[in-house]
Amino acid sequence: MSRVLMIVLAGGLLVLVGGVVYLGAFPPAPAAHPVERTLPNADFHPR
């Protein structure tokens, strides 16, 4: 029982490390979208 648990944990760790290495080698493309922010009306009043 303990041996099976260790094999499963080692396999999970291997998959986790493989995923991190894959993301490091082939990072996802950034989402390019414009930033739309509403400005308060007070910013447009002259001082």
C-alpha atoms as a PDB file:
ATOM      1  CA  MET A   1       0.000   0.000   0.000  1.00  0.00           C
ATOM      2  CA  SER A   2       2.755   2.450   0.920  1.00  0.00           C
ATOM      3  CA  ARG A   3       4.683   1.636  -2.246  1.00  0.00           C
ATOM      4  CA  VAL A   4       1.662   2.341  -4.452  1.00  0.00           C
ATOM      5  CA  LEU A   5       1.112   5.666  -2.680  1.00  0.00           C
ATOM      6  CA  MET A   6       4.736   6.680  -3.240  1.00  0.00           C
ATOM      7  CA  ILE A   7       4.503   5.759  -6.940  1.00  0.00           C
ATOM      8  CA  VAL A   8       1.329   7.826  -7.336  1.00  0.00           C
ATOM      9  CA  LEU A   9       2.892  10.800  -5.526  1.00  0.00           C
ATOM     10  CA  ALA A  10       6.071  10.552  -7.601  1.00  0.00           C
ATOM     11  CA  GLY A  11       3.991  10.419 -10.800  1.00  0.00           C
ATOM     12  CA  GLY A  12       1.987  13.468  -9.746  1.00  0.00           C
ATOM     13  CA  LEU A  13       5.160  15.360  -8.923  1.00  0.00           C
ATOM     14  CA  LEU A  14       6.617  14.390 -12.295  1.00  0.00           C
ATOM     15  CA  VAL A  15       3.502  15.673 -14.091  1.00  0.00           C
ATOM     16  CA  LEU A  16       3.624  18.913 -12.088  1.00  0.00           C
ATOM     17  CA  VAL A  17       7.295  19.516 -12.879  1.00  0.00           C
ATOM     18  CA  GLY A  18       6.670  18.656 -16.535  1.00  0.00           C
ATOM     19  CA  GLY A  19       3.847  21.198 -16.689  1.00  0.00           C
ATOM     20  CA  VAL A  20       6.027  23.932 -15.202  1.00  0.00           C
ATOM     21  CA  VAL A  21       8.838  23.152 -17.646  1.00  0.00           C
ATOM     22  CA  TYR A  22       6.383  23.138 -20.572  1.00  0.00           C
ATOM     23  CA  LEU A  23       4.937  26.524 -19.552  1.00  0.00           C
ATOM     24  CA  GLY A  24       8.449  27.911 -19.188  1.00  0.00           C
ATOM     25  CA  ALA A  25       9.494  26.670 -22.629  1.00  0.00           C
ATOM     26  CA  PHE A  26       6.256  27.622 -24.422  1.00  0.00           C
ATOM     27  CA  PRO A  27       4.567  30.477 -22.526  1.00  0.00           C
ATOM     28  CA  PRO A  28       0.991  31.352 -23.492  1.00  0.00           C
ATOM     29  CA  ALA A  29       0.455  34.388 -25.708  1.00  0.00           C
ATOM     30  CA  PRO A  30      -0.622  37.471 -23.772  1.00  0.00           C
ATOM     31  CA  ALA A  31      -4.159  38.702 -24.337  1.00  0.00           C
ATOM     32  CA  ALA A  32      -3.922  42.025 -26.165  1.00  0.00           C
ATOM     33  CA  HIS A  33      -6.963  44.138 -25.437  1.00  0.00           C
ATOM     34  CA  PRO A  34      -7.273  47.860 -24.779  1.00  0.00           C
ATOM     35  CA  VAL A  35      -7.676  49.038 -21.219  1.00  0.00           C
ATOM     36  CA  GLU A  36     -10.936  50.933 -20.875  1.00  0.00           C
ATOM     37  CA  ARG A  37     -11.279  52.960 -17.699  1.00  0.00           C
ATOM     38  CA  THR A  38     -13.880  55.546 -16.814  1.00  0.00           C
ATOM     39  CA  LEU A  39     -12.504  58.793 -15.456  1.00  0.00           C
ATOM     40  CA  PRO A  40     -14.388  60.818 -12.878  1.00  0.00           C
ATOM     41  CA  ASN A  41     -15.929  64.028 -14.196  1.00  0.00           C
ATOM     42  CA  ALA A  42     -13.871  66.107 -11.727  1.00  0.00           C
ATOM     43  CA  ASP A  43     -10.729  65.399 -13.762  1.00  0.00           C
ATOM     44  CA  PHE A  44     -12.036  67.518 -16.651  1.00  0.00           C
ATOM     45  CA  HIS A  45     -12.797  70.701 -14.687  1.00  0.00           C
ATOM     46  CA  PRO A  46     -10.242  73.520 -14.971  1.00  0.00           C
ATOM     47  CA  ARG A  47      -8.398  74.449 -11.807  1.00  0.00           C
END
